[in-house]
Amino acid sequence: MAGKGEEVKPTVIGKLVVDNLEDRAWLLLLMRKFREAVEMAHHLLKNGIGTSETKRRLTKYLSNAWYASSAMKRAKLYLNQPYLKLNKPQLFSVGSKDEKGNRNIKLLDTSEVLIKIPHADGKHTWLKGRVVFGRKYLPIVKELTTDKYSYGASIVLKDKGKLFLHLHIPPELYIKYVKKNLKLNLLVILLASTSIQTESAWLL
């Protein structure tokens, strides 16, 4: 469940395709390390280690301070649990309006995304993936490429090795495009109150 003060946002989901096999291997490696970083953060925070020290250790492990902060934020969703074991590789990057919406997972347009892959030497590379969203969500995704909004972004691995991109968007942007559909307009209220729980279910 969302923690106290946790912001909840509607989530738009698209199928992510990384055609280059080497790029896909790098992405899966990062997703496994991020999963381990979330578990590490949970363990450290549950045992009284401060947020600054926890972030320092995660940054060293992930070679990226932004991913480290994102791992801490995700770990805090599970602090009501005595321990944490995530079964599925995952990646999450907190939104940043100053970084064209997101620092590490950037939409190029409605069908392409760039994903930052950090390396132990302090350098990084970017890999490109294709994303397929439902047609009714394309106007929302298009808005996110204008740099007017920040959006959180998660990548999850599902059955049979399929990858999905989750975009966590401001409720007002979602409502802007679904207001003509009463059922969807009511649904957004439910999504805004349950998106964290839904996201957690995908990742466990």
N, C-alpha and C. Protein backbone atom coordinates (compact mmCIF):
# COMPACT_ATOMS: atom_id res chain seq x y z
N MET A 1 0.84 -1.19 0.00
CA MET A 1 0.00 0.00 0.00
C MET A 1 0.87 1.24 0.00
N ALA A 2 0.34 2.35 -0.39
CA ALA A 2 1.09 3.58 -0.37
C ALA A 2 1.35 4.01 1.05
N GLY A 3 2.55 4.53 1.24
CA GLY A 3 2.90 5.00 2.57
C GLY A 3 2.30 6.36 2.82
N LYS A 4 2.43 6.81 4.05
CA LYS A 4 1.90 8.12 4.44
C LYS A 4 2.55 9.20 3.60
N GLY A 5 1.71 10.02 2.97
CA GLY A 5 2.21 11.10 2.15
C GLY A 5 2.64 10.67 0.77
N GLU A 6 2.51 9.39 0.44
CA GLU A 6 2.90 8.90 -0.87
C GLU A 6 1.95 9.42 -1.93
N GLU A 7 2.51 10.00 -2.99
CA GLU A 7 1.69 10.50 -4.08
C GLU A 7 1.26 9.34 -4.96
N VAL A 8 -0.02 9.31 -5.30
CA VAL A 8 -0.52 8.25 -6.17
C VAL A 8 -0.92 8.86 -7.51
N LYS A 9 -0.64 8.15 -8.58
CA LYS A 9 -0.93 8.65 -9.91
C LYS A 9 -1.51 7.54 -10.78
N PRO A 10 -2.37 7.91 -11.74
CA PRO A 10 -2.82 6.92 -12.71
C PRO A 10 -1.64 6.38 -13.50
N THR A 11 -1.78 5.17 -14.01
CA THR A 11 -0.69 4.52 -14.73
C THR A 11 -1.16 4.11 -16.12
N VAL A 12 -0.36 4.47 -17.11
CA VAL A 12 -0.58 4.04 -18.49
C VAL A 12 0.49 3.00 -18.82
N ILE A 13 0.07 1.88 -19.39
CA ILE A 13 0.98 0.77 -19.63
C ILE A 13 1.13 0.51 -21.13
N GLY A 14 2.39 0.35 -21.56
CA GLY A 14 2.66 0.01 -22.95
C GLY A 14 3.62 -1.16 -23.05
N LYS A 15 3.54 -1.89 -24.13
CA LYS A 15 4.47 -3.00 -24.35
C LYS A 15 5.80 -2.45 -24.84
N LEU A 16 6.89 -2.86 -24.18
CA LEU A 16 8.23 -2.39 -24.52
C LEU A 16 8.97 -3.46 -25.31
N VAL A 17 9.56 -3.06 -26.42
CA VAL A 17 10.33 -3.98 -27.26
C VAL A 17 11.73 -3.43 -27.44
N VAL A 18 12.74 -4.22 -27.07
CA VAL A 18 14.14 -3.87 -27.29
C VAL A 18 14.70 -4.89 -28.28
N ASP A 19 14.88 -4.47 -29.51
CA ASP A 19 15.25 -5.40 -30.57
C ASP A 19 16.70 -5.86 -30.48
N ASN A 20 17.59 -4.96 -30.09
CA ASN A 20 19.00 -5.30 -30.01
C ASN A 20 19.24 -6.24 -28.83
N LEU A 21 19.77 -7.42 -29.09
CA LEU A 21 19.93 -8.43 -28.04
C LEU A 21 20.92 -7.99 -26.97
N GLU A 22 21.99 -7.30 -27.37
CA GLU A 22 22.96 -6.82 -26.38
C GLU A 22 22.33 -5.76 -25.48
N ASP A 23 21.57 -4.85 -26.08
CA ASP A 23 20.87 -3.83 -25.29
C ASP A 23 19.90 -4.48 -24.31
N ARG A 24 19.17 -5.47 -24.79
CA ARG A 24 18.21 -6.16 -23.92
C ARG A 24 18.93 -6.83 -22.75
N ALA A 25 20.10 -7.41 -23.01
CA ALA A 25 20.88 -8.05 -21.94
C ALA A 25 21.32 -7.02 -20.90
N TRP A 26 21.77 -5.85 -21.35
CA TRP A 26 22.16 -4.80 -20.42
C TRP A 26 20.97 -4.33 -19.59
N LEU A 27 19.82 -4.18 -20.25
CA LEU A 27 18.62 -3.74 -19.54
C LEU A 27 18.21 -4.75 -18.48
N LEU A 28 18.20 -6.02 -18.82
CA LEU A 28 17.81 -7.05 -17.86
C LEU A 28 18.78 -7.12 -16.69
N LEU A 29 20.07 -6.92 -16.96
CA LEU A 29 21.05 -6.89 -15.88
C LEU A 29 20.76 -5.73 -14.93
N LEU A 30 20.49 -4.55 -15.49
CA LEU A 30 20.17 -3.39 -14.65
C LEU A 30 18.89 -3.63 -13.86
N MET A 31 17.90 -4.25 -14.46
CA MET A 31 16.65 -4.53 -13.77
C MET A 31 16.86 -5.48 -12.60
N ARG A 32 17.73 -6.46 -12.77
CA ARG A 32 18.02 -7.39 -11.67
C ARG A 32 18.76 -6.66 -10.55
N LYS A 33 19.70 -5.79 -10.92
CA LYS A 33 20.43 -5.03 -9.90
C LYS A 33 19.49 -4.07 -9.18
N PHE A 34 18.56 -3.47 -9.91
CA PHE A 34 17.62 -2.55 -9.27
C PHE A 34 16.73 -3.30 -8.29
N ARG A 35 16.26 -4.47 -8.68
CA ARG A 35 15.47 -5.29 -7.75
C ARG A 35 16.25 -5.55 -6.48
N GLU A 36 17.51 -5.92 -6.61
CA GLU A 36 18.35 -6.18 -5.45
C GLU A 36 18.56 -4.91 -4.63
N ALA A 37 18.65 -3.76 -5.31
CA ALA A 37 18.83 -2.49 -4.61
C ALA A 37 17.59 -2.14 -3.79
N VAL A 38 16.41 -2.42 -4.31
CA VAL A 38 15.18 -2.19 -3.55
C VAL A 38 15.16 -3.05 -2.30
N GLU A 39 15.51 -4.32 -2.45
CA GLU A 39 15.56 -5.23 -1.30
C GLU A 39 16.61 -4.76 -0.29
N MET A 40 17.75 -4.30 -0.79
CA MET A 40 18.81 -3.80 0.08
C MET A 40 18.34 -2.57 0.84
N ALA A 41 17.69 -1.64 0.14
CA ALA A 41 17.19 -0.43 0.78
C ALA A 41 16.17 -0.77 1.86
N HIS A 42 15.29 -1.70 1.57
CA HIS A 42 14.29 -2.13 2.55
C HIS A 42 14.98 -2.68 3.80
N HIS A 43 15.97 -3.53 3.61
CA HIS A 43 16.70 -4.12 4.74
C HIS A 43 17.41 -3.05 5.56
N LEU A 44 18.08 -2.13 4.89
CA LEU A 44 18.82 -1.09 5.60
C LEU A 44 17.88 -0.16 6.37
N LEU A 45 16.82 0.28 5.71
CA LEU A 45 15.88 1.20 6.37
C LEU A 45 15.18 0.53 7.54
N LYS A 46 14.81 -0.75 7.38
CA LYS A 46 14.16 -1.48 8.47
C LYS A 46 15.09 -1.65 9.66
N ASN A 47 16.39 -1.64 9.41
CA ASN A 47 17.36 -1.83 10.48
C ASN A 47 17.95 -0.52 10.98
N GLY A 48 17.29 0.58 10.69
CA GLY A 48 17.65 1.85 11.27
C GLY A 48 18.76 2.62 10.58
N ILE A 49 19.19 2.17 9.42
CA ILE A 49 20.20 2.92 8.67
C ILE A 49 19.54 4.15 8.07
N GLY A 50 20.18 5.31 8.21
CA GLY A 50 19.60 6.55 7.73
C GLY A 50 19.48 6.62 6.22
N THR A 51 18.64 7.54 5.75
CA THR A 51 18.41 7.64 4.31
C THR A 51 19.67 8.06 3.55
N SER A 52 20.47 8.94 4.13
CA SER A 52 21.69 9.39 3.45
C SER A 52 22.67 8.25 3.24
N GLU A 53 22.89 7.45 4.29
CA GLU A 53 23.80 6.32 4.18
C GLU A 53 23.23 5.25 3.26
N THR A 54 21.93 5.03 3.35
CA THR A 54 21.30 4.06 2.46
C THR A 54 21.47 4.47 1.00
N LYS A 55 21.22 5.74 0.71
CA LYS A 55 21.38 6.22 -0.66
C LYS A 55 22.82 6.11 -1.12
N ARG A 56 23.77 6.38 -0.24
CA ARG A 56 25.19 6.28 -0.61
C ARG A 56 25.52 4.86 -1.04
N ARG A 57 25.06 3.89 -0.28
CA ARG A 57 25.35 2.49 -0.60
C ARG A 57 24.66 2.06 -1.89
N LEU A 58 23.43 2.51 -2.07
CA LEU A 58 22.71 2.16 -3.29
C LEU A 58 23.34 2.80 -4.52
N THR A 59 23.79 4.05 -4.36
CA THR A 59 24.44 4.74 -5.48
C THR A 59 25.71 4.01 -5.90
N LYS A 60 26.46 3.55 -4.94
CA LYS A 60 27.67 2.79 -5.25
C LYS A 60 27.33 1.49 -5.97
N TYR A 61 26.25 0.85 -5.55
CA TYR A 61 25.87 -0.43 -6.14
C TYR A 61 25.31 -0.26 -7.55
N LEU A 62 24.50 0.78 -7.75
CA LEU A 62 23.84 0.99 -9.04
C LEU A 62 24.62 1.92 -9.97
N SER A 63 25.63 2.60 -9.42
CA SER A 63 26.43 3.55 -10.20
C SER A 63 25.59 4.71 -10.74
N ASN A 64 24.53 5.06 -10.02
CA ASN A 64 23.66 6.14 -10.46
C ASN A 64 22.82 6.62 -9.28
N ALA A 65 22.97 7.90 -8.93
CA ALA A 65 22.28 8.44 -7.76
C ALA A 65 20.77 8.53 -7.96
N TRP A 66 20.33 8.79 -9.21
CA TRP A 66 18.89 8.92 -9.45
C TRP A 66 18.18 7.58 -9.32
N TYR A 67 18.79 6.55 -9.88
CA TYR A 67 18.22 5.21 -9.70
C TYR A 67 18.25 4.81 -8.22
N ALA A 68 19.28 5.24 -7.49
CA ALA A 68 19.37 4.93 -6.06
C ALA A 68 18.20 5.57 -5.30
N SER A 69 17.93 6.84 -5.59
CA SER A 69 16.79 7.52 -4.94
C SER A 69 15.48 6.85 -5.30
N SER A 70 15.36 6.41 -6.54
CA SER A 70 14.15 5.73 -6.99
C SER A 70 13.97 4.39 -6.30
N ALA A 71 15.08 3.67 -6.09
CA ALA A 71 15.02 2.39 -5.38
C ALA A 71 14.58 2.59 -3.94
N MET A 72 15.07 3.65 -3.31
CA MET A 72 14.65 3.95 -1.93
C MET A 72 13.16 4.26 -1.87
N LYS A 73 12.68 5.04 -2.82
CA LYS A 73 11.26 5.39 -2.83
C LYS A 73 10.41 4.14 -2.98
N ARG A 74 10.84 3.24 -3.84
CA ARG A 74 10.08 2.00 -4.03
C ARG A 74 10.14 1.14 -2.77
N ALA A 75 11.29 1.06 -2.13
CA ALA A 75 11.43 0.24 -0.92
C ALA A 75 10.50 0.73 0.19
N LYS A 76 10.29 2.03 0.26
CA LYS A 76 9.46 2.59 1.31
C LYS A 76 8.00 2.15 1.18
N LEU A 77 7.60 1.70 0.00
CA LEU A 77 6.23 1.19 -0.17
C LEU A 77 6.00 -0.08 0.62
N TYR A 78 7.08 -0.77 0.98
CA TYR A 78 6.97 -2.07 1.63
C TYR A 78 7.45 -2.07 3.08
N LEU A 79 7.64 -0.90 3.67
CA LEU A 79 8.20 -0.84 5.02
C LEU A 79 7.29 -1.44 6.08
N ASN A 80 6.02 -1.66 5.73
CA ASN A 80 5.13 -2.33 6.69
C ASN A 80 5.38 -3.83 6.74
N GLN A 81 6.22 -4.34 5.81
CA GLN A 81 6.56 -5.76 5.79
C GLN A 81 7.85 -6.00 6.56
N PRO A 82 7.98 -7.13 7.27
CA PRO A 82 9.21 -7.40 8.03
C PRO A 82 10.41 -7.65 7.15
N TYR A 83 10.19 -8.21 5.96
CA TYR A 83 11.28 -8.41 5.01
C TYR A 83 10.71 -8.32 3.60
N LEU A 84 11.60 -8.21 2.62
CA LEU A 84 11.15 -8.02 1.25
C LEU A 84 11.94 -8.91 0.31
N LYS A 85 11.23 -9.67 -0.48
CA LYS A 85 11.84 -10.50 -1.53
C LYS A 85 11.00 -10.33 -2.79
N LEU A 86 11.56 -9.62 -3.77
CA LEU A 86 10.86 -9.38 -5.03
C LEU A 86 11.23 -10.47 -6.03
N ASN A 87 10.23 -11.04 -6.65
CA ASN A 87 10.47 -12.14 -7.57
C ASN A 87 10.86 -11.69 -8.97
N LYS A 88 10.41 -10.50 -9.35
CA LYS A 88 10.56 -10.08 -10.74
C LYS A 88 11.56 -8.93 -10.88
N PRO A 89 12.45 -9.01 -11.86
CA PRO A 89 13.32 -7.86 -12.15
C PRO A 89 12.47 -6.64 -12.47
N GLN A 90 12.99 -5.47 -12.16
CA GLN A 90 12.23 -4.24 -12.36
C GLN A 90 13.17 -3.06 -12.45
N LEU A 91 12.65 -1.95 -12.94
CA LEU A 91 13.40 -0.71 -12.99
C LEU A 91 12.41 0.42 -12.78
N PHE A 92 12.83 1.44 -12.05
CA PHE A 92 11.95 2.56 -11.77
C PHE A 92 12.77 3.83 -11.73
N SER A 93 12.25 4.89 -12.30
CA SER A 93 12.91 6.19 -12.27
C SER A 93 11.88 7.26 -11.91
N VAL A 94 12.15 7.98 -10.84
CA VAL A 94 11.26 9.04 -10.37
C VAL A 94 11.19 10.15 -11.42
N GLY A 95 10.03 10.76 -11.56
CA GLY A 95 9.86 11.84 -12.52
C GLY A 95 10.65 13.08 -12.15
N SER A 96 10.99 13.88 -13.17
CA SER A 96 11.72 15.13 -12.96
C SER A 96 11.38 16.10 -14.09
N LYS A 97 10.64 17.14 -13.77
CA LYS A 97 10.25 18.11 -14.79
C LYS A 97 11.47 18.83 -15.35
N ASP A 98 12.50 19.04 -14.51
CA ASP A 98 13.71 19.72 -14.97
C ASP A 98 14.52 18.87 -15.94
N GLU A 99 14.21 17.59 -16.01
CA GLU A 99 14.95 16.67 -16.88
C GLU A 99 14.05 16.17 -18.02
N LYS A 100 13.22 17.07 -18.56
CA LYS A 100 12.32 16.73 -19.64
C LYS A 100 11.38 15.58 -19.28
N GLY A 101 10.90 15.62 -18.05
CA GLY A 101 9.92 14.64 -17.60
C GLY A 101 10.48 13.54 -16.75
N ASN A 102 11.65 13.01 -17.17
CA ASN A 102 12.28 11.93 -16.40
C ASN A 102 13.76 11.90 -16.74
N ARG A 103 14.58 11.71 -15.73
CA ARG A 103 16.03 11.78 -15.95
C ARG A 103 16.59 10.54 -16.63
N ASN A 104 16.08 9.38 -16.27
CA ASN A 104 16.70 8.14 -16.72
C ASN A 104 15.90 7.33 -17.73
N ILE A 105 14.60 7.55 -17.80
CA ILE A 105 13.75 6.85 -18.77
C ILE A 105 12.96 7.91 -19.51
N LYS A 106 13.39 8.25 -20.73
CA LYS A 106 12.87 9.41 -21.44
C LYS A 106 12.06 9.00 -22.68
N LEU A 107 10.87 9.52 -22.77
CA LEU A 107 10.08 9.32 -23.99
C LEU A 107 10.62 10.21 -25.10
N LEU A 108 10.87 9.61 -26.27
CA LEU A 108 11.25 10.39 -27.44
C LEU A 108 10.00 10.85 -28.19
N ASP A 109 9.04 9.96 -28.30
CA ASP A 109 7.74 10.25 -28.89
C ASP A 109 6.76 9.21 -28.35
N THR A 110 5.66 9.03 -29.02
CA THR A 110 4.65 8.09 -28.51
C THR A 110 5.02 6.63 -28.74
N SER A 111 6.11 6.38 -29.44
CA SER A 111 6.47 4.99 -29.75
C SER A 111 7.93 4.64 -29.46
N GLU A 112 8.70 5.58 -28.92
CA GLU A 112 10.11 5.30 -28.64
C GLU A 112 10.50 5.85 -27.27
N VAL A 113 11.42 5.16 -26.62
CA VAL A 113 11.89 5.57 -25.30
C VAL A 113 13.39 5.33 -25.20
N LEU A 114 14.08 6.20 -24.47
CA LEU A 114 15.49 6.04 -24.17
C LEU A 114 15.63 5.63 -22.71
N ILE A 115 16.51 4.67 -22.45
CA ILE A 115 16.73 4.16 -21.10
C ILE A 115 18.21 4.27 -20.76
N LYS A 116 18.52 4.94 -19.66
CA LYS A 116 19.92 5.13 -19.26
C LYS A 116 20.45 3.87 -18.59
N ILE A 117 21.62 3.42 -19.05
CA ILE A 117 22.31 2.27 -18.47
C ILE A 117 23.61 2.75 -17.84
N PRO A 118 23.69 2.83 -16.51
CA PRO A 118 24.92 3.29 -15.86
C PRO A 118 25.96 2.17 -15.81
N HIS A 119 27.24 2.59 -15.78
CA HIS A 119 28.33 1.62 -15.71
C HIS A 119 29.22 1.93 -14.51
N ALA A 120 29.96 0.93 -14.09
CA ALA A 120 30.75 1.04 -12.86
C ALA A 120 31.84 2.10 -12.95
N ASP A 121 32.27 2.46 -14.16
CA ASP A 121 33.32 3.48 -14.32
C ASP A 121 32.77 4.89 -14.24
N GLY A 122 31.48 5.04 -13.93
CA GLY A 122 30.88 6.35 -13.81
C GLY A 122 30.26 6.87 -15.10
N LYS A 123 30.51 6.18 -16.20
CA LYS A 123 29.93 6.57 -17.48
C LYS A 123 28.57 5.88 -17.66
N HIS A 124 27.89 6.24 -18.71
CA HIS A 124 26.61 5.60 -18.99
C HIS A 124 26.37 5.54 -20.48
N THR A 125 25.47 4.68 -20.88
CA THR A 125 25.02 4.60 -22.26
C THR A 125 23.50 4.68 -22.28
N TRP A 126 22.97 5.00 -23.44
CA TRP A 126 21.52 5.05 -23.62
C TRP A 126 21.11 3.96 -24.61
N LEU A 127 20.08 3.22 -24.28
CA LEU A 127 19.54 2.26 -25.24
C LEU A 127 18.13 2.70 -25.63
N LYS A 128 17.78 2.36 -26.85
CA LYS A 128 16.48 2.77 -27.39
C LYS A 128 15.54 1.58 -27.47
N GLY A 129 14.30 1.80 -27.05
CA GLY A 129 13.29 0.76 -27.16
C GLY A 129 12.05 1.28 -27.86
N ARG A 130 11.27 0.37 -28.41
CA ARG A 130 9.98 0.71 -29.02
C ARG A 130 8.87 0.42 -28.01
N VAL A 131 7.87 1.29 -27.98
CA VAL A 131 6.75 1.11 -27.05
C VAL A 131 5.44 1.16 -27.82
N VAL A 132 4.55 0.24 -27.46
CA VAL A 132 3.22 0.20 -28.08
C VAL A 132 2.17 0.47 -27.01
N PHE A 133 1.51 1.62 -27.11
CA PHE A 133 0.44 1.99 -26.19
C PHE A 133 -0.91 1.82 -26.88
N GLY A 134 -1.95 1.65 -26.08
CA GLY A 134 -3.30 1.64 -26.63
C GLY A 134 -3.61 2.97 -27.29
N ARG A 135 -4.36 2.94 -28.38
CA ARG A 135 -4.62 4.15 -29.16
C ARG A 135 -5.22 5.28 -28.32
N LYS A 136 -6.10 4.92 -27.39
CA LYS A 136 -6.78 5.97 -26.62
C LYS A 136 -5.83 6.69 -25.67
N TYR A 137 -4.64 6.09 -25.41
CA TYR A 137 -3.70 6.72 -24.50
C TYR A 137 -2.64 7.54 -25.23
N LEU A 138 -2.61 7.48 -26.55
CA LEU A 138 -1.57 8.17 -27.30
C LEU A 138 -1.57 9.69 -27.07
N PRO A 139 -2.74 10.37 -26.99
CA PRO A 139 -2.71 11.81 -26.71
C PRO A 139 -2.07 12.13 -25.35
N ILE A 140 -2.28 11.27 -24.36
CA ILE A 140 -1.67 11.47 -23.05
C ILE A 140 -0.16 11.33 -23.15
N VAL A 141 0.29 10.27 -23.81
CA VAL A 141 1.72 10.04 -23.97
C VAL A 141 2.36 11.18 -24.76
N LYS A 142 1.65 11.66 -25.79
CA LYS A 142 2.16 12.78 -26.59
C LYS A 142 2.40 14.01 -25.72
N GLU A 143 1.49 14.28 -24.80
CA GLU A 143 1.65 15.41 -23.88
C GLU A 143 2.91 15.26 -23.05
N LEU A 144 3.23 14.03 -22.66
CA LEU A 144 4.42 13.81 -21.83
C LEU A 144 5.71 14.11 -22.57
N THR A 145 5.67 14.09 -23.89
CA THR A 145 6.88 14.37 -24.67
C THR A 145 7.12 15.86 -24.86
N THR A 146 6.19 16.70 -24.38
CA THR A 146 6.33 18.15 -24.55
C THR A 146 7.14 18.79 -23.43
N ASP A 147 7.57 18.00 -22.45
CA ASP A 147 8.39 18.48 -21.33
C ASP A 147 7.61 19.37 -20.36
N LYS A 148 6.28 19.38 -20.45
CA LYS A 148 5.49 20.19 -19.53
C LYS A 148 5.19 19.46 -18.22
N TYR A 149 5.32 18.15 -18.24
CA TYR A 149 4.96 17.34 -17.08
C TYR A 149 6.12 16.43 -16.69
N SER A 150 6.21 16.15 -15.40
CA SER A 150 7.12 15.09 -14.96
C SER A 150 6.31 13.79 -14.86
N TYR A 151 6.97 12.69 -15.10
CA TYR A 151 6.29 11.39 -15.03
C TYR A 151 7.27 10.35 -14.51
N GLY A 152 6.78 9.53 -13.58
CA GLY A 152 7.57 8.39 -13.16
C GLY A 152 7.48 7.31 -14.22
N ALA A 153 8.50 6.47 -14.30
CA ALA A 153 8.50 5.40 -15.31
C ALA A 153 9.06 4.12 -14.70
N SER A 154 8.35 3.03 -14.92
CA SER A 154 8.78 1.71 -14.45
C SER A 154 8.86 0.76 -15.64
N ILE A 155 9.82 -0.16 -15.57
CA ILE A 155 9.90 -1.24 -16.55
C ILE A 155 9.80 -2.54 -15.78
N VAL A 156 8.90 -3.40 -16.20
CA VAL A 156 8.70 -4.68 -15.51
C VAL A 156 8.77 -5.82 -16.51
N LEU A 157 9.19 -6.96 -16.01
CA LEU A 157 9.30 -8.17 -16.81
C LEU A 157 8.17 -9.11 -16.42
N LYS A 158 7.38 -9.48 -17.42
CA LYS A 158 6.26 -10.39 -17.17
C LYS A 158 6.56 -11.77 -17.73
N ASP A 159 5.54 -12.60 -17.76
CA ASP A 159 5.69 -13.98 -18.22
C ASP A 159 6.21 -14.03 -19.65
N LYS A 160 6.98 -15.07 -19.94
CA LYS A 160 7.54 -15.32 -21.27
C LYS A 160 8.49 -14.21 -21.72
N GLY A 161 9.08 -13.51 -20.75
CA GLY A 161 10.09 -12.52 -21.06
C GLY A 161 9.58 -11.23 -21.66
N LYS A 162 8.29 -10.96 -21.57
CA LYS A 162 7.74 -9.74 -22.13
C LYS A 162 8.01 -8.56 -21.21
N LEU A 163 8.41 -7.44 -21.81
CA LEU A 163 8.69 -6.21 -21.06
C LEU A 163 7.54 -5.22 -21.23
N PHE A 164 7.26 -4.49 -20.15
CA PHE A 164 6.22 -3.46 -20.19
C PHE A 164 6.74 -2.18 -19.55
N LEU A 165 6.35 -1.06 -20.15
CA LEU A 165 6.68 0.26 -19.62
C LEU A 165 5.45 0.84 -18.94
N HIS A 166 5.58 1.21 -17.67
CA HIS A 166 4.50 1.84 -16.92
C HIS A 166 4.83 3.33 -16.78
N LEU A 167 3.93 4.19 -17.19
CA LEU A 167 4.09 5.63 -17.02
C LEU A 167 3.14 6.10 -15.93
N HIS A 168 3.69 6.73 -14.90
CA HIS A 168 2.89 7.22 -13.78
C HIS A 168 2.68 8.72 -14.00
N ILE A 169 1.46 9.10 -14.33
CA ILE A 169 1.19 10.44 -14.85
C ILE A 169 0.32 11.25 -13.89
N PRO A 170 0.39 12.58 -14.01
CA PRO A 170 -0.44 13.43 -13.16
C PRO A 170 -1.93 13.16 -13.41
N PRO A 171 -2.74 13.05 -12.36
CA PRO A 171 -4.18 12.78 -12.54
C PRO A 171 -4.87 13.80 -13.44
N GLU A 172 -4.46 15.08 -13.34
CA GLU A 172 -5.13 16.10 -14.13
C GLU A 172 -4.91 15.89 -15.63
N LEU A 173 -3.75 15.34 -15.99
CA LEU A 173 -3.50 15.06 -17.40
C LEU A 173 -4.35 13.89 -17.88
N TYR A 174 -4.48 12.88 -17.04
CA TYR A 174 -5.31 11.73 -17.39
C TYR A 174 -6.76 12.16 -17.58
N ILE A 175 -7.27 12.94 -16.63
CA ILE A 175 -8.66 13.38 -16.68
C ILE A 175 -8.92 14.25 -17.91
N LYS A 176 -7.92 15.03 -18.30
CA LYS A 176 -8.06 15.92 -19.46
C LYS A 176 -8.48 15.15 -20.71
N TYR A 177 -8.00 13.93 -20.83
CA TYR A 177 -8.26 13.17 -22.05
C TYR A 177 -9.34 12.10 -21.91
N VAL A 178 -9.79 11.87 -20.71
CA VAL A 178 -10.85 10.87 -20.56
C VAL A 178 -12.15 11.48 -20.05
N LYS A 179 -12.21 12.79 -19.91
CA LYS A 179 -13.38 13.44 -19.31
C LYS A 179 -14.66 13.24 -20.14
N LYS A 180 -14.51 12.94 -21.44
CA LYS A 180 -15.69 12.74 -22.27
C LYS A 180 -16.33 11.37 -22.05
N ASN A 181 -15.59 10.51 -21.40
CA ASN A 181 -16.09 9.17 -21.13
C ASN A 181 -16.36 9.05 -19.65
N LEU A 182 -17.63 9.03 -19.26
CA LEU A 182 -18.00 9.06 -17.85
C LEU A 182 -17.41 7.89 -17.09
N LYS A 183 -17.47 6.69 -17.69
CA LYS A 183 -16.95 5.52 -16.99
C LYS A 183 -15.46 5.65 -16.74
N LEU A 184 -14.72 6.14 -17.73
CA LEU A 184 -13.29 6.31 -17.54
C LEU A 184 -13.00 7.43 -16.56
N ASN A 185 -13.84 8.46 -16.58
CA ASN A 185 -13.65 9.57 -15.65
C ASN A 185 -13.81 9.10 -14.21
N LEU A 186 -14.76 8.19 -13.98
CA LEU A 186 -14.92 7.62 -12.65
C LEU A 186 -13.78 6.66 -12.35
N LEU A 187 -13.31 5.97 -13.37
CA LEU A 187 -12.23 5.01 -13.17
C LEU A 187 -10.95 5.70 -12.73
N VAL A 188 -10.70 6.92 -13.23
CA VAL A 188 -9.46 7.59 -12.89
C VAL A 188 -9.36 7.84 -11.39
N ILE A 189 -10.52 8.06 -10.75
CA ILE A 189 -10.52 8.26 -9.30
C ILE A 189 -10.04 6.99 -8.61
N LEU A 190 -10.52 5.86 -9.09
CA LEU A 190 -10.09 4.59 -8.54
C LEU A 190 -8.61 4.34 -8.82
N LEU A 191 -8.18 4.65 -10.04
CA LEU A 191 -6.78 4.44 -10.41
C LEU A 191 -5.86 5.29 -9.55
N ALA A 192 -6.27 6.53 -9.30
CA ALA A 192 -5.43 7.42 -8.52
C ALA A 192 -5.27 6.96 -7.09
N SER A 193 -6.24 6.21 -6.59
CA SER A 193 -6.16 5.75 -5.21
C SER A 193 -5.55 4.37 -5.08
N THR A 194 -5.40 3.66 -6.23
CA THR A 194 -4.91 2.28 -6.15
C THR A 194 -3.69 2.01 -7.01
N SER A 195 -3.17 3.02 -7.70
CA SER A 195 -2.08 2.76 -8.64
C SER A 195 -0.84 2.21 -7.95
N ILE A 196 -0.58 2.66 -6.73
CA ILE A 196 0.59 2.14 -6.02
C ILE A 196 0.40 0.67 -5.69
N GLN A 197 -0.81 0.31 -5.24
CA GLN A 197 -1.08 -1.09 -4.93
C GLN A 197 -0.98 -1.94 -6.20
N THR A 198 -1.54 -1.43 -7.31
CA THR A 198 -1.48 -2.17 -8.56
C THR A 198 -0.05 -2.35 -9.02
N GLU A 199 0.72 -1.29 -8.93
CA GLU A 199 2.13 -1.36 -9.32
C GLU A 199 2.86 -2.39 -8.47
N SER A 200 2.60 -2.40 -7.19
CA SER A 200 3.25 -3.36 -6.31
C SER A 200 2.91 -4.79 -6.72
N ALA A 201 1.66 -5.02 -7.12
CA ALA A 201 1.25 -6.37 -7.52
C ALA A 201 2.01 -6.83 -8.76
N TRP A 202 2.27 -5.91 -9.66
CA TRP A 202 3.03 -6.27 -10.86
C TRP A 202 4.45 -6.68 -10.50
N LEU A 203 5.00 -6.08 -9.45
CA LEU A 203 6.42 -6.23 -9.16
C LEU A 203 6.73 -7.35 -8.20
N LEU A 204 5.75 -7.82 -7.43
CA LEU A 204 5.99 -8.89 -6.48
C LEU A 204 6.13 -10.24 -7.18
